[in-house]
Amino acid sequence: MRVYSSFEEIDKDLKILKLQTEIDKEEIKLSIDQTKESLSPVSLIGSTIGSIIQKALVLKAVSKIIGVKKVIASTKK
């Protein structure tokens, strides 16, 4: 617990606490806005399409690799 020696010190700390509270409120507002933006229909559709494309590319790459191994294995026989 802090011991104050003057009212000026108390006023200074109160001002600091008030500013910290305002900063915290603004951070919460920004966080809410970012959450709303990330849950918007356009954002959800975009991330879904991006995910589908990424999975399709990975599947295609894996199938090519597996296909190459099968061709190599069949030529050795």
PDB file of N, CA and C in Angstrom:
ATOM      1  N   MET A   1       0.849  -1.180   0.000  1.00  0.00           N
ATOM      2  CA  MET A   1       0.000   0.000   0.000  1.00  0.00           C
ATOM      3  C   MET A   1       0.891   1.237   0.000  1.00  0.00           C
ATOM      4  N   ARG A   2       0.539   2.149  -0.844  1.00  0.00           N
ATOM      5  CA  ARG A   2       1.344   3.352  -0.983  1.00  0.00           C
ATOM      6  C   ARG A   2       0.917   4.394   0.039  1.00  0.00           C
ATOM      7  N   VAL A   3       1.896   5.096   0.573  1.00  0.00           N
ATOM      8  CA  VAL A   3       1.630   6.173   1.523  1.00  0.00           C
ATOM      9  C   VAL A   3       1.902   7.488   0.800  1.00  0.00           C
ATOM     10  N   TYR A   4       0.905   8.327   0.775  1.00  0.00           N
ATOM     11  CA  TYR A   4       1.016   9.620   0.096  1.00  0.00           C
ATOM     12  C   TYR A   4       1.426  10.698   1.089  1.00  0.00           C
ATOM     13  N   SER A   5       2.251  11.621   0.593  1.00  0.00           N
ATOM     14  CA  SER A   5       2.701  12.715   1.458  1.00  0.00           C
ATOM     15  C   SER A   5       2.035  14.040   1.104  1.00  0.00           C
ATOM     16  N   SER A   6       1.290  14.032  -0.042  1.00  0.00           N
ATOM     17  CA  SER A   6       0.609  15.273  -0.418  1.00  0.00           C
ATOM     18  C   SER A   6      -0.606  14.954  -1.283  1.00  0.00           C
ATOM     19  N   PHE A   7      -1.484  15.932  -1.371  1.00  0.00           N
ATOM     20  CA  PHE A   7      -2.662  15.780  -2.221  1.00  0.00           C
ATOM     21  C   PHE A   7      -2.282  15.789  -3.700  1.00  0.00           C
ATOM     22  N   GLU A   8      -1.166  16.434  -4.028  1.00  0.00           N
ATOM     23  CA  GLU A   8      -0.707  16.456  -5.403  1.00  0.00           C
ATOM     24  C   GLU A   8      -0.367  15.036  -5.884  1.00  0.00           C
ATOM     25  N   GLU A   9       0.254  14.256  -5.005  1.00  0.00           N
ATOM     26  CA  GLU A   9       0.576  12.876  -5.353  1.00  0.00           C
ATOM     27  C   GLU A   9      -0.700  12.059  -5.580  1.00  0.00           C
ATOM     28  N   ILE A  10      -1.665  12.285  -4.742  1.00  0.00           N
ATOM     29  CA  ILE A  10      -2.950  11.580  -4.885  1.00  0.00           C
ATOM     30  C   ILE A  10      -3.611  11.974  -6.198  1.00  0.00           C
ATOM     31  N   ASP A  11      -3.637  13.273  -6.482  1.00  0.00           N
ATOM     32  CA  ASP A  11      -4.243  13.757  -7.726  1.00  0.00           C
ATOM     33  C   ASP A  11      -3.521  13.192  -8.948  1.00  0.00           C
ATOM     34  N   LYS A  12      -2.205  13.134  -8.878  1.00  0.00           N
ATOM     35  CA  LYS A  12      -1.425  12.598  -9.987  1.00  0.00           C
ATOM     36  C   LYS A  12      -1.790  11.131 -10.230  1.00  0.00           C
ATOM     37  N   ASP A  13      -1.825  10.335  -9.183  1.00  0.00           N
ATOM     38  CA  ASP A  13      -2.172   8.917  -9.336  1.00  0.00           C
ATOM     39  C   ASP A  13      -3.611   8.741  -9.816  1.00  0.00           C
ATOM     40  N   LEU A  14      -4.518   9.594  -9.355  1.00  0.00           N
ATOM     41  CA  LEU A  14      -5.900   9.519  -9.812  1.00  0.00           C
ATOM     42  C   LEU A  14      -6.003   9.821 -11.306  1.00  0.00           C
ATOM     43  N   LYS A  15      -5.241  10.803 -11.769  1.00  0.00           N
ATOM     44  CA  LYS A  15      -5.227  11.126 -13.196  1.00  0.00           C
ATOM     45  C   LYS A  15      -4.668   9.947 -14.010  1.00  0.00           C
ATOM     46  N   ILE A  16      -3.616   9.346 -13.498  1.00  0.00           N
ATOM     47  CA  ILE A  16      -3.017   8.198 -14.186  1.00  0.00           C
ATOM     48  C   ILE A  16      -4.025   7.055 -14.253  1.00  0.00           C
ATOM     49  N   LEU A  17      -4.688   6.773 -13.162  1.00  0.00           N
ATOM     50  CA  LEU A  17      -5.689   5.705 -13.145  1.00  0.00           C
ATOM     51  C   LEU A  17      -6.847   5.997 -14.091  1.00  0.00           C
ATOM     52  N   LYS A  18      -7.256   7.262 -14.156  1.00  0.00           N
ATOM     53  CA  LYS A  18      -8.339   7.635 -15.065  1.00  0.00           C
ATOM     54  C   LYS A  18      -7.909   7.410 -16.516  1.00  0.00           C
ATOM     55  N   LEU A  19      -6.684   7.807 -16.854  1.00  0.00           N
ATOM     56  CA  LEU A  19      -6.176   7.601 -18.208  1.00  0.00           C
ATOM     57  C   LEU A  19      -6.039   6.125 -18.534  1.00  0.00           C
ATOM     58  N   GLN A  20      -5.581   5.331 -17.570  1.00  0.00           N
ATOM     59  CA  GLN A  20      -5.473   3.896 -17.798  1.00  0.00           C
ATOM     60  C   GLN A  20      -6.846   3.282 -18.039  1.00  0.00           C
ATOM     61  N   THR A  21      -7.840   3.751 -17.311  1.00  0.00           N
ATOM     62  CA  THR A  21      -9.203   3.264 -17.504  1.00  0.00           C
ATOM     63  C   THR A  21      -9.709   3.615 -18.898  1.00  0.00           C
ATOM     64  N   GLU A  22      -9.440   4.814 -19.369  1.00  0.00           N
ATOM     65  CA  GLU A  22      -9.854   5.224 -20.710  1.00  0.00           C
ATOM     66  C   GLU A  22      -9.148   4.389 -21.779  1.00  0.00           C
ATOM     67  N   ILE A  23      -7.873   4.124 -21.572  1.00  0.00           N
ATOM     68  CA  ILE A  23      -7.124   3.292 -22.509  1.00  0.00           C
ATOM     69  C   ILE A  23      -7.729   1.891 -22.557  1.00  0.00           C
ATOM     70  N   ASP A  24      -8.030   1.328 -21.404  1.00  0.00           N
ATOM     71  CA  ASP A  24      -8.630  -0.004 -21.349  1.00  0.00           C
ATOM     72  C   ASP A  24      -9.976  -0.038 -22.066  1.00  0.00           C
ATOM     73  N   LYS A  25     -10.775   1.009 -21.894  1.00  0.00           N
ATOM     74  CA  LYS A  25     -12.076   1.077 -22.572  1.00  0.00           C
ATOM     75  C   LYS A  25     -11.893   1.116 -24.085  1.00  0.00           C
ATOM     76  N   GLU A  26     -10.930   1.892 -24.562  1.00  0.00           N
ATOM     77  CA  GLU A  26     -10.672   1.978 -26.003  1.00  0.00           C
ATOM     78  C   GLU A  26     -10.169   0.646 -26.553  1.00  0.00           C
ATOM     79  N   GLU A  27      -9.338  -0.053 -25.776  1.00  0.00           N
ATOM     80  CA  GLU A  27      -8.853  -1.362 -26.216  1.00  0.00           C
ATOM     81  C   GLU A  27     -10.012  -2.349 -26.333  1.00  0.00           C
ATOM     82  N   ILE A  28     -10.950  -2.283 -25.398  1.00  0.00           N
ATOM     83  CA  ILE A  28     -12.127  -3.150 -25.457  1.00  0.00           C
ATOM     84  C   ILE A  28     -12.965  -2.818 -26.685  1.00  0.00           C
ATOM     85  N   LYS A  29     -13.148  -1.534 -26.965  1.00  0.00           N
ATOM     86  CA  LYS A  29     -13.906  -1.131 -28.154  1.00  0.00           C
ATOM     87  C   LYS A  29     -13.251  -1.661 -29.423  1.00  0.00           C
ATOM     88  N   LEU A  30     -11.927  -1.518 -29.510  1.00  0.00           N
ATOM     89  CA  LEU A  30     -11.203  -2.016 -30.682  1.00  0.00           C
ATOM     90  C   LEU A  30     -11.337  -3.534 -30.814  1.00  0.00           C
ATOM     91  N   SER A  31     -11.249  -4.215 -29.694  1.00  0.00           N
ATOM     92  CA  SER A  31     -11.382  -5.665 -29.710  1.00  0.00           C
ATOM     93  C   SER A  31     -12.772  -6.084 -30.177  1.00  0.00           C
ATOM     94  N   ILE A  32     -13.790  -5.395 -29.733  1.00  0.00           N
ATOM     95  CA  ILE A  32     -15.167  -5.690 -30.151  1.00  0.00           C
ATOM     96  C   ILE A  32     -15.320  -5.433 -31.648  1.00  0.00           C
ATOM     97  N   ASP A  33     -14.776  -4.317 -32.123  1.00  0.00           N
ATOM     98  CA  ASP A  33     -14.853  -4.004 -33.557  1.00  0.00           C
ATOM     99  C   ASP A  33     -14.143  -5.063 -34.393  1.00  0.00           C
ATOM    100  N   GLN A  34     -12.977  -5.507 -33.939  1.00  0.00           N
ATOM    101  CA  GLN A  34     -12.231  -6.533 -34.675  1.00  0.00           C
ATOM    102  C   GLN A  34     -12.995  -7.850 -34.692  1.00  0.00           C
ATOM    103  N   THR A  35     -13.625  -8.177 -33.585  1.00  0.00           N
ATOM    104  CA  THR A  35     -14.415  -9.405 -33.521  1.00  0.00           C
ATOM    105  C   THR A  35     -15.609  -9.326 -34.452  1.00  0.00           C
ATOM    106  N   LYS A  36     -16.299  -8.189 -34.454  1.00  0.00           N
ATOM    107  CA  LYS A  36     -17.438  -8.011 -35.356  1.00  0.00           C
ATOM    108  C   LYS A  36     -16.989  -8.129 -36.806  1.00  0.00           C
ATOM    109  N   GLU A  37     -15.855  -7.540 -37.111  1.00  0.00           N
ATOM    110  CA  GLU A  37     -15.337  -7.572 -38.486  1.00  0.00           C
ATOM    111  C   GLU A  37     -14.978  -8.993 -38.896  1.00  0.00           C
ATOM    112  N   SER A  38     -14.362  -9.746 -37.985  1.00  0.00           N
ATOM    113  CA  SER A  38     -13.963 -11.107 -38.335  1.00  0.00           C
ATOM    114  C   SER A  38     -15.166 -12.043 -38.442  1.00  0.00           C
ATOM    115  N   LEU A  39     -16.287 -11.679 -37.842  1.00  0.00           N
ATOM    116  CA  LEU A  39     -17.492 -12.500 -37.918  1.00  0.00           C
ATOM    117  C   LEU A  39     -18.490 -12.013 -38.962  1.00  0.00           C
ATOM    118  N   SER A  40     -18.086 -11.033 -39.743  1.00  0.00           N
ATOM    119  CA  SER A  40     -18.977 -10.529 -40.788  1.00  0.00           C
ATOM    120  C   SER A  40     -19.134 -11.587 -41.873  1.00  0.00           C
ATOM    121  N   PRO A  41     -20.273 -11.593 -42.559  1.00  0.00           N
ATOM    122  CA  PRO A  41     -20.498 -12.605 -43.609  1.00  0.00           C
ATOM    123  C   PRO A  41     -19.408 -12.605 -44.683  1.00  0.00           C
ATOM    124  N   VAL A  42     -18.974 -11.440 -45.098  1.00  0.00           N
ATOM    125  CA  VAL A  42     -17.938 -11.361 -46.138  1.00  0.00           C
ATOM    126  C   VAL A  42     -16.646 -12.002 -45.644  1.00  0.00           C
ATOM    127  N   SER A  43     -16.280 -11.713 -44.421  1.00  0.00           N
ATOM    128  CA  SER A  43     -15.059 -12.282 -43.859  1.00  0.00           C
ATOM    129  C   SER A  43     -15.171 -13.790 -43.701  1.00  0.00           C
ATOM    130  N   LEU A  44     -16.311 -14.254 -43.235  1.00  0.00           N
ATOM    131  CA  LEU A  44     -16.508 -15.699 -43.062  1.00  0.00           C
ATOM    132  C   LEU A  44     -16.459 -16.425 -44.400  1.00  0.00           C
ATOM    133  N   ILE A  45     -17.092 -15.859 -45.406  1.00  0.00           N
ATOM    134  CA  ILE A  45     -17.081 -16.475 -46.740  1.00  0.00           C
ATOM    135  C   ILE A  45     -15.657 -16.487 -47.295  1.00  0.00           C
ATOM    136  N   GLY A  46     -14.961 -15.369 -47.136  1.00  0.00           N
ATOM    137  CA  GLY A  46     -13.584 -15.283 -47.630  1.00  0.00           C
ATOM    138  C   GLY A  46     -12.671 -16.292 -46.960  1.00  0.00           C
ATOM    139  N   SER A  47     -12.783 -16.430 -45.648  1.00  0.00           N
ATOM    140  CA  SER A  47     -11.925 -17.387 -44.955  1.00  0.00           C
ATOM    141  C   SER A  47     -12.302 -18.817 -45.303  1.00  0.00           C
ATOM    142  N   THR A  48     -13.582 -19.071 -45.515  1.00  0.00           N
ATOM    143  CA  THR A  48     -14.013 -20.410 -45.909  1.00  0.00           C
ATOM    144  C   THR A  48     -13.479 -20.763 -47.290  1.00  0.00           C
ATOM    145  N   ILE A  49     -13.604 -19.844 -48.220  1.00  0.00           N
ATOM    146  CA  ILE A  49     -13.095 -20.082 -49.579  1.00  0.00           C
ATOM    147  C   ILE A  49     -11.578 -20.272 -49.543  1.00  0.00           C
ATOM    148  N   GLY A  50     -10.899 -19.442 -48.763  1.00  0.00           N
ATOM    149  CA  GLY A  50      -9.448 -19.574 -48.636  1.00  0.00           C
ATOM    150  C   GLY A  50      -9.054 -20.927 -48.073  1.00  0.00           C
ATOM    151  N   SER A  51      -9.796 -21.393 -47.094  1.00  0.00           N
ATOM    152  CA  SER A  51      -9.517 -22.687 -46.496  1.00  0.00           C
ATOM    153  C   SER A  51      -9.748 -23.818 -47.495  1.00  0.00           C
ATOM    154  N   ILE A  52     -10.826 -23.728 -48.258  1.00  0.00           N
ATOM    155  CA  ILE A  52     -11.124 -24.754 -49.268  1.00  0.00           C
ATOM    156  C   ILE A  52     -10.031 -24.787 -50.333  1.00  0.00           C
ATOM    157  N   ILE A  53      -9.609 -23.622 -50.792  1.00  0.00           N
ATOM    158  CA  ILE A  53      -8.550 -23.555 -51.809  1.00  0.00           C
ATOM    159  C   ILE A  53      -7.254 -24.145 -51.265  1.00  0.00           C
ATOM    160  N   GLN A  54      -6.930 -23.799 -50.025  1.00  0.00           N
ATOM    161  CA  GLN A  54      -5.701 -24.310 -49.427  1.00  0.00           C
ATOM    162  C   GLN A  54      -5.751 -25.832 -49.319  1.00  0.00           C
ATOM    163  N   LYS A  55      -6.873 -26.374 -48.877  1.00  0.00           N
ATOM    164  CA  LYS A  55      -6.988 -27.824 -48.762  1.00  0.00           C
ATOM    165  C   LYS A  55      -6.927 -28.491 -50.131  1.00  0.00           C
ATOM    166  N   ALA A  56      -7.531 -27.870 -51.129  1.00  0.00           N
ATOM    167  CA  ALA A  56      -7.489 -28.433 -52.479  1.00  0.00           C
ATOM    168  C   ALA A  56      -6.064 -28.463 -53.008  1.00  0.00           C
ATOM    169  N   LEU A  57      -5.312 -27.404 -52.770  1.00  0.00           N
ATOM    170  CA  LEU A  57      -3.925 -27.366 -53.234  1.00  0.00           C
ATOM    171  C   LEU A  57      -3.073 -28.415 -52.526  1.00  0.00           C
ATOM    172  N   VAL A  58      -3.283 -28.568 -51.232  1.00  0.00           N
ATOM    173  CA  VAL A  58      -2.531 -29.582 -50.490  1.00  0.00           C
ATOM    174  C   VAL A  58      -2.887 -30.975 -50.999  1.00  0.00           C
ATOM    175  N   LEU A  59      -4.172 -31.216 -51.205  1.00  0.00           N
ATOM    176  CA  LEU A  59      -4.606 -32.514 -51.713  1.00  0.00           C
ATOM    177  C   LEU A  59      -4.010 -32.796 -53.089  1.00  0.00           C
ATOM    178  N   LYS A  60      -3.983 -31.781 -53.940  1.00  0.00           N
ATOM    179  CA  LYS A  60      -3.415 -31.944 -55.278  1.00  0.00           C
ATOM    180  C   LYS A  60      -1.921 -32.244 -55.197  1.00  0.00           C
ATOM    181  N   ALA A  61      -1.227 -31.525 -54.312  1.00  0.00           N
ATOM    182  CA  ALA A  61       0.212 -31.753 -54.161  1.00  0.00           C
ATOM    183  C   ALA A  61       0.482 -33.150 -53.620  1.00  0.00           C
ATOM    184  N   VAL A  62      -0.286 -33.566 -52.650  1.00  0.00           N
ATOM    185  CA  VAL A  62      -0.097 -34.905 -52.082  1.00  0.00           C
ATOM    186  C   VAL A  62      -0.406 -35.976 -53.114  1.00  0.00           C
ATOM    187  N   SER A  63      -1.471 -35.779 -53.882  1.00  0.00           N
ATOM    188  CA  SER A  63      -1.814 -36.776 -54.893  1.00  0.00           C
ATOM    189  C   SER A  63      -0.742 -36.858 -55.980  1.00  0.00           C
ATOM    190  N   LYS A  64      -0.123 -35.733 -56.314  1.00  0.00           N
ATOM    191  CA  LYS A  64       0.968 -35.761 -57.293  1.00  0.00           C
ATOM    192  C   LYS A  64       2.160 -36.526 -56.750  1.00  0.00           C
ATOM    193  N   ILE A  65       2.461 -36.298 -55.490  1.00  0.00           N
ATOM    194  CA  ILE A  65       3.601 -36.991 -54.880  1.00  0.00           C
ATOM    195  C   ILE A  65       3.321 -38.490 -54.817  1.00  0.00           C
ATOM    196  N   ILE A  66       2.141 -38.837 -54.377  1.00  0.00           N
ATOM    197  CA  ILE A  66       1.775 -40.253 -54.306  1.00  0.00           C
ATOM    198  C   ILE A  66       1.721 -40.845 -55.709  1.00  0.00           C
ATOM    199  N   GLY A  67       1.208 -40.108 -56.671  1.00  0.00           N
ATOM    200  CA  GLY A  67       1.147 -40.573 -58.051  1.00  0.00           C
ATOM    201  C   GLY A  67       2.522 -40.809 -58.627  1.00  0.00           C
ATOM    202  N   VAL A  68       3.469 -39.934 -58.313  1.00  0.00           N
ATOM    203  CA  VAL A  68       4.841 -40.090 -58.795  1.00  0.00           C
ATOM    204  C   VAL A  68       5.448 -41.338 -58.197  1.00  0.00           C
ATOM    205  N   LYS A  69       5.221 -41.603 -56.939  1.00  0.00           N
ATOM    206  CA  LYS A  69       5.766 -42.801 -56.303  1.00  0.00           C
ATOM    207  C   LYS A  69       5.182 -44.062 -56.929  1.00  0.00           C
ATOM    208  N   LYS A  70       3.895 -44.045 -57.267  1.00  0.00           N
ATOM    209  CA  LYS A  70       3.272 -45.212 -57.877  1.00  0.00           C
ATOM    210  C   LYS A  70       3.861 -45.477 -59.255  1.00  0.00           C
ATOM    211  N   VAL A  71       4.105 -44.427 -60.008  1.00  0.00           N
ATOM    212  CA  VAL A  71       4.667 -44.592 -61.344  1.00  0.00           C
ATOM    213  C   VAL A  71       6.071 -45.143 -61.233  1.00  0.00           C
ATOM    214  N   ILE A  72       6.837 -44.653 -60.329  1.00  0.00           N
ATOM    215  CA  ILE A  72       8.215 -45.134 -60.134  1.00  0.00           C
ATOM    216  C   ILE A  72       8.189 -46.586 -59.689  1.00  0.00           C
ATOM    217  N   ALA A  73       7.305 -46.930 -58.787  1.00  0.00           N
ATOM    218  CA  ALA A  73       7.217 -48.304 -58.302  1.00  0.00           C
ATOM    219  C   ALA A  73       6.780 -49.250 -59.422  1.00  0.00           C
ATOM    220  N   SER A  74       5.874 -48.803 -60.265  1.00  0.00           N
ATOM    221  CA  SER A  74       5.377 -49.675 -61.332  1.00  0.00           C
ATOM    222  C   SER A  74       6.413 -49.840 -62.448  1.00  0.00           C
ATOM    223  N   THR A  75       7.302 -48.892 -62.650  1.00  0.00           N
ATOM    224  CA  THR A  75       8.319 -49.015 -63.694  1.00  0.00           C
ATOM    225  C   THR A  75       9.459 -49.943 -63.241  1.00  0.00           C
ATOM    226  N   LYS A  76       9.645 -50.085 -61.957  1.00  0.00           N
ATOM    227  CA  LYS A  76      10.708 -50.963 -61.452  1.00  0.00           C
ATOM    228  C   LYS A  76      10.313 -52.428 -61.567  1.00  0.00           C
ATOM    229  N   LYS A  77       9.053 -52.745 -61.602  1.00  0.00           N
ATOM    230  CA  LYS A  77       8.592 -54.132 -61.646  1.00  0.00           C
ATOM    231  C   LYS A  77       8.827 -54.733 -62.952  1.00  0.00           C
TER     232      LYS A  77
END
